Amino acid sequence: MSCDYIQGYYYSKPLDPEDYRKKLTETTKVNLAQRRRKRKKPLVIVIDDEEINRESIRVTIEDHFQVLTASGGKEGLELLKRHISDVSLVVTDIAMPELDGFELLEIMNKSVMLYKIPVLVITSFGDIENVAKALEMGAIDVINKPIEPKILRQRIYNIMQLTQGAI
């Protein structure tokens, strides 16, 4: 394609139909490839003091989500602060040393930057009081241990659909 100059204006010569089809096809392929590269998996931070729980959750969801793990509430909070703009969901245990799941929820609720991030609580204490407390503190859902992988995947997918639209 070449340009001509007439009275201070540039104009392009018309393309023949075959050249136009080629350019359109090339542009479309490039745009689709760029969009695929830009579309990242949603980031999920998994916080649990038991390594086996962290790993089982990571393995269960890593095909559809980017996963970072933390071995406790303090480490999880640091990950949250470091990746604040990318975090789509936090999955946390309640019972952990140093900073437990309830304390983490409290800190997140007080933070202007963190309170909008949805939290899924996992717990061995499936009693009504702990479940109700987690939900009252802003958890979007609670799952009892042992965790069924298929249920966990679907609940996380549902939370993502509710909070972020299509994933």
Foldseek 3Di string as FASTA:
>chain_A
DDWDDDPHDIDDDDDDPVVVVVVVVVVVVVVVVVVVVPDAAQEEEEEALDPVVQVVQCVLCVVRHHYDYDNHLVRSVVVCVVCLVRHQEYEAEADDPPAGPLNSLVVQCVDPSRPLRAYEYEYCPPDPVVQVSCVVSHHPYYHYPPDDSVVSNVVVCVSCCVSPNHD
